[in-house]
Amino acid sequence: MLSLQLKSGEYLTIGDEIAVQIFEESGSTFRVAVKAPREIPILRGEVLERTGERPGGLREKRPKSPSAQARDAQRLRERTEQRSRAEAERRRAASEQAAVTRELRSILARLDELAPAHDRDGLRKTLDALRARLDGIPEANE
């Protein structure tokens, strides 16, 4: 299928007897003038498709209007910004978690040094449980 882009007033010919001219663009619509012999039927696509026929090689969708394209572009920008903000928040939360984990490991190491001197079983069990939980958290490399 040949696909052309024409400006208002421009035309194309099909053989020697058919001419198609584009004119009077208005927003996302335009008018088409067709000069052809009377024997050749000319139908709008919607009329032809009522019978279930559709010529092969045509695009399935109509091009979007400029306003629809602008809306889609705006929505894409908004989604991209949302994803960027969400990713920045995830990185901030991961960084905060890593800092808290390092601090807890530091506190745990200090308490581990003090606990044997006081020999408190409850504190020892709590420290061991906390150490096991912390060991299950991978340290983030910043």
C-alpha atoms as a PDB file:
ATOM      1  CA  MET A   1       0.000   0.000   0.000  1.00  0.00           C
ATOM      2  CA  LEU A   2       1.260   3.447  -0.903  1.00  0.00           C
ATOM      3  CA  SER A   3       1.037   5.925   1.978  1.00  0.00           C
ATOM      4  CA  LEU A   4       1.266   9.644   1.186  1.00  0.00           C
ATOM      5  CA  GLN A   5       1.104  12.800   3.213  1.00  0.00           C
ATOM      6  CA  LEU A   6      -0.622  15.661   1.417  1.00  0.00           C
ATOM      7  CA  LYS A   7      -1.224  19.283   2.346  1.00  0.00           C
ATOM      8  CA  SER A   8      -4.414  21.189   1.710  1.00  0.00           C
ATOM      9  CA  GLY A   9      -4.821  21.819  -2.027  1.00  0.00           C
ATOM     10  CA  GLU A  10      -2.458  19.025  -3.087  1.00  0.00           C
ATOM     11  CA  TYR A  11      -3.742  16.112  -5.117  1.00  0.00           C
ATOM     12  CA  LEU A  12      -2.798  12.726  -6.476  1.00  0.00           C
ATOM     13  CA  THR A  13      -3.841  10.873  -9.609  1.00  0.00           C
ATOM     14  CA  ILE A  14      -4.720   7.232 -10.136  1.00  0.00           C
ATOM     15  CA  GLY A  15      -4.235   6.301 -13.740  1.00  0.00           C
ATOM     16  CA  ASP A  16      -5.366   8.848 -16.325  1.00  0.00           C
ATOM     17  CA  GLU A  17      -8.964   9.253 -15.204  1.00  0.00           C
ATOM     18  CA  ILE A  18      -8.941   9.536 -11.390  1.00  0.00           C
ATOM     19  CA  ALA A  19      -7.735  12.497  -9.307  1.00  0.00           C
ATOM     20  CA  VAL A  20      -8.000  12.886  -5.532  1.00  0.00           C
ATOM     21  CA  GLN A  21      -7.518  16.302  -3.910  1.00  0.00           C
ATOM     22  CA  ILE A  22      -7.203  17.145  -0.218  1.00  0.00           C
ATOM     23  CA  PHE A  23      -8.558  20.511   0.895  1.00  0.00           C
ATOM     24  CA  GLU A  24      -9.952  22.583   3.730  1.00  0.00           C
ATOM     25  CA  GLU A  25      -8.186  21.015   6.698  1.00  0.00           C
ATOM     26  CA  SER A  26     -10.057  21.718   9.915  1.00  0.00           C
ATOM     27  CA  GLY A  27      -8.538  20.375  13.132  1.00  0.00           C
ATOM     28  CA  SER A  28      -8.200  16.616  12.762  1.00  0.00           C
ATOM     29  CA  THR A  29     -10.572  16.429   9.754  1.00  0.00           C
ATOM     30  CA  PHE A  30     -10.138  17.285   6.115  1.00  0.00           C
ATOM     31  CA  ARG A  31     -12.136  17.110   2.921  1.00  0.00           C
ATOM     32  CA  VAL A  32     -11.408  15.003  -0.115  1.00  0.00           C
ATOM     33  CA  ALA A  33     -12.515  15.736  -3.677  1.00  0.00           C
ATOM     34  CA  VAL A  34     -12.509  12.785  -6.070  1.00  0.00           C
ATOM     35  CA  LYS A  35     -12.782  13.121  -9.852  1.00  0.00           C
ATOM     36  CA  ALA A  36     -13.493   9.752 -11.439  1.00  0.00           C
ATOM     37  CA  PRO A  37     -15.650   8.295 -14.204  1.00  0.00           C
ATOM     38  CA  ARG A  38     -19.258   7.636 -13.162  1.00  0.00           C
ATOM     39  CA  GLU A  39     -18.827   3.896 -13.750  1.00  0.00           C
ATOM     40  CA  ILE A  40     -16.364   3.628 -10.880  1.00  0.00           C
ATOM     41  CA  PRO A  41     -18.163   3.351  -7.516  1.00  0.00           C
ATOM     42  CA  ILE A  42     -16.781   5.555  -4.733  1.00  0.00           C
ATOM     43  CA  LEU A  43     -17.828   4.627  -1.190  1.00  0.00           C
ATOM     44  CA  ARG A  44     -16.796   5.769   2.261  1.00  0.00           C
ATOM     45  CA  GLY A  45     -15.001   3.029   4.181  1.00  0.00           C
ATOM     46  CA  GLU A  46     -17.753   2.937   6.826  1.00  0.00           C
ATOM     47  CA  VAL A  47     -20.368   2.264   4.139  1.00  0.00           C
ATOM     48  CA  LEU A  48     -18.269  -0.465   2.510  1.00  0.00           C
ATOM     49  CA  GLU A  49     -17.561  -2.115   5.884  1.00  0.00           C
ATOM     50  CA  ARG A  50     -21.288  -2.412   6.640  1.00  0.00           C
ATOM     51  CA  THR A  51     -21.225  -5.332   4.186  1.00  0.00           C
ATOM     52  CA  GLY A  52     -18.313  -6.833   6.119  1.00  0.00           C
ATOM     53  CA  GLU A  53     -15.740  -6.090   3.417  1.00  0.00           C
ATOM     54  CA  ARG A  54     -12.511  -4.218   4.018  1.00  0.00           C
ATOM     55  CA  PRO A  55      -9.841  -3.732   1.364  1.00  0.00           C
ATOM     56  CA  GLY A  56      -6.589  -5.497   2.173  1.00  0.00           C
ATOM     57  CA  GLY A  57      -3.447  -3.540   2.981  1.00  0.00           C
ATOM     58  CA  LEU A  58      -5.165  -0.728   4.893  1.00  0.00           C
ATOM     59  CA  ARG A  59      -4.121   0.341   8.341  1.00  0.00           C
ATOM     60  CA  GLU A  60      -6.372  -1.021  11.063  1.00  0.00           C
ATOM     61  CA  LYS A  61      -6.538   2.129  13.146  1.00  0.00           C
ATOM     62  CA  ARG A  62      -7.164   5.713  12.241  1.00  0.00           C
ATOM     63  CA  PRO A  63      -4.363   8.080  13.170  1.00  0.00           C
ATOM     64  CA  LYS A  64      -4.937   9.815  16.495  1.00  0.00           C
ATOM     65  CA  SER A  65      -5.987  13.433  16.512  1.00  0.00           C
ATOM     66  CA  PRO A  66      -3.380  16.005  17.583  1.00  0.00           C
ATOM     67  CA  SER A  67      -5.236  16.562  20.865  1.00  0.00           C
ATOM     68  CA  ALA A  68      -5.296  12.804  21.577  1.00  0.00           C
ATOM     69  CA  GLN A  69      -1.577  12.608  20.777  1.00  0.00           C
ATOM     70  CA  ALA A  70      -0.914  15.519  23.164  1.00  0.00           C
ATOM     71  CA  ARG A  71      -2.991  13.814  25.898  1.00  0.00           C
ATOM     72  CA  ASP A  72      -1.097  10.558  25.414  1.00  0.00           C
ATOM     73  CA  ALA A  73       2.244  12.393  25.574  1.00  0.00           C
ATOM     74  CA  GLN A  74       1.175  14.174  28.792  1.00  0.00           C
ATOM     75  CA  ARG A  75       0.057  10.882  30.361  1.00  0.00           C
ATOM     76  CA  LEU A  76       3.371   9.284  29.399  1.00  0.00           C
ATOM     77  CA  ARG A  77       5.290  12.174  30.994  1.00  0.00           C
ATOM     78  CA  GLU A  78       3.190  11.881  34.165  1.00  0.00           C
ATOM     79  CA  ARG A  79       3.735   8.102  34.392  1.00  0.00           C
ATOM     80  CA  THR A  80       7.459   8.535  33.807  1.00  0.00           C
ATOM     81  CA  GLU A  81       7.638  11.163  36.561  1.00  0.00           C
ATOM     82  CA  GLN A  82       5.649   8.920  38.921  1.00  0.00           C
ATOM     83  CA  ARG A  83       7.986   6.008  38.233  1.00  0.00           C
ATOM     84  CA  SER A  84      11.023   8.234  38.774  1.00  0.00           C
ATOM     85  CA  ARG A  85       9.622   9.490  42.089  1.00  0.00           C
ATOM     86  CA  ALA A  86       8.760   5.946  43.186  1.00  0.00           C
ATOM     87  CA  GLU A  87      12.244   4.698  42.253  1.00  0.00           C
ATOM     88  CA  ALA A  88      13.869   7.603  44.137  1.00  0.00           C
ATOM     89  CA  GLU A  89      11.714   6.766  47.184  1.00  0.00           C
ATOM     90  CA  ARG A  90      12.704   3.073  46.949  1.00  0.00           C
ATOM     91  CA  ARG A  91      16.390   4.049  46.794  1.00  0.00           C
ATOM     92  CA  ARG A  92      15.962   6.428  49.743  1.00  0.00           C
ATOM     93  CA  ALA A  93      14.171   3.740  51.784  1.00  0.00           C
ATOM     94  CA  ALA A  94      16.838   1.144  50.908  1.00  0.00           C
ATOM     95  CA  SER A  95      19.571   3.589  51.912  1.00  0.00           C
ATOM     96  CA  GLU A  96      17.794   4.338  55.188  1.00  0.00           C
ATOM     97  CA  GLN A  97      17.319   0.620  55.837  1.00  0.00           C
ATOM     98  CA  ALA A  98      21.022   0.001  55.182  1.00  0.00           C
ATOM     99  CA  ALA A  99      21.991   2.805  57.582  1.00  0.00           C
ATOM    100  CA  VAL A 100      19.673   1.466  60.300  1.00  0.00           C
ATOM    101  CA  THR A 101      20.966  -2.070  59.755  1.00  0.00           C
ATOM    102  CA  ARG A 102      24.597  -0.890  60.098  1.00  0.00           C
ATOM    103  CA  GLU A 103      23.742   1.031  63.269  1.00  0.00           C
ATOM    104  CA  LEU A 104      21.924  -1.975  64.725  1.00  0.00           C
ATOM    105  CA  ARG A 105      24.890  -4.203  63.925  1.00  0.00           C
ATOM    106  CA  SER A 106      27.165  -1.702  65.655  1.00  0.00           C
ATOM    107  CA  ILE A 107      24.905  -1.561  68.730  1.00  0.00           C
ATOM    108  CA  LEU A 108      24.645  -5.337  68.743  1.00  0.00           C
ATOM    109  CA  ALA A 109      28.439  -5.669  68.672  1.00  0.00           C
ATOM    110  CA  ARG A 110      28.761  -3.236  71.623  1.00  0.00           C
ATOM    111  CA  LEU A 111      26.045  -5.003  73.620  1.00  0.00           C
ATOM    112  CA  ASP A 112      27.659  -8.344  72.830  1.00  0.00           C
ATOM    113  CA  GLU A 113      30.858  -7.064  74.462  1.00  0.00           C
ATOM    114  CA  LEU A 114      28.946  -5.915  77.568  1.00  0.00           C
ATOM    115  CA  ALA A 115      26.604  -8.903  77.952  1.00  0.00           C
ATOM    116  CA  PRO A 116      29.228 -11.504  78.986  1.00  0.00           C
ATOM    117  CA  ALA A 117      30.434  -9.190  81.755  1.00  0.00           C
ATOM    118  CA  HIS A 118      26.943  -9.001  83.223  1.00  0.00           C
ATOM    119  CA  ASP A 119      26.038 -12.539  82.171  1.00  0.00           C
ATOM    120  CA  ARG A 120      22.342 -11.899  81.687  1.00  0.00           C
ATOM    121  CA  ASP A 121      20.610 -14.818  79.995  1.00  0.00           C
ATOM    122  CA  GLY A 122      17.600 -12.790  78.822  1.00  0.00           C
ATOM    123  CA  LEU A 123      19.794 -10.148  77.203  1.00  0.00           C
ATOM    124  CA  ARG A 124      21.952 -12.850  75.601  1.00  0.00           C
ATOM    125  CA  LYS A 125      18.872 -14.571  74.085  1.00  0.00           C
ATOM    126  CA  THR A 126      17.497 -11.260  72.819  1.00  0.00           C
ATOM    127  CA  LEU A 127      20.859 -10.342  71.294  1.00  0.00           C
ATOM    128  CA  ASP A 128      21.164 -13.747  69.626  1.00  0.00           C
ATOM    129  CA  ALA A 129      17.643 -13.466  68.179  1.00  0.00           C
ATOM    130  CA  LEU A 130      18.355  -9.937  66.925  1.00  0.00           C
ATOM    131  CA  ARG A 131      21.663 -11.078  65.430  1.00  0.00           C
ATOM    132  CA  ALA A 132      19.900 -13.932  63.603  1.00  0.00           C
ATOM    133  CA  ARG A 133      17.334 -11.510  62.179  1.00  0.00           C
ATOM    134  CA  LEU A 134      20.021  -9.034  61.124  1.00  0.00           C
ATOM    135  CA  ASP A 135      22.095 -11.795  59.528  1.00  0.00           C
ATOM    136  CA  GLY A 136      19.087 -12.572  57.341  1.00  0.00           C
ATOM    137  CA  ILE A 137      19.084  -8.984  55.993  1.00  0.00           C
ATOM    138  CA  PRO A 138      21.661  -8.442  53.244  1.00  0.00           C
ATOM    139  CA  GLU A 139      23.772  -5.357  53.672  1.00  0.00           C
ATOM    140  CA  ALA A 140      23.217  -2.813  50.915  1.00  0.00           C
ATOM    141  CA  ASN A 141      26.324  -1.579  49.140  1.00  0.00           C
ATOM    142  CA  GLU A 142      26.141   2.178  48.756  1.00  0.00           C
END
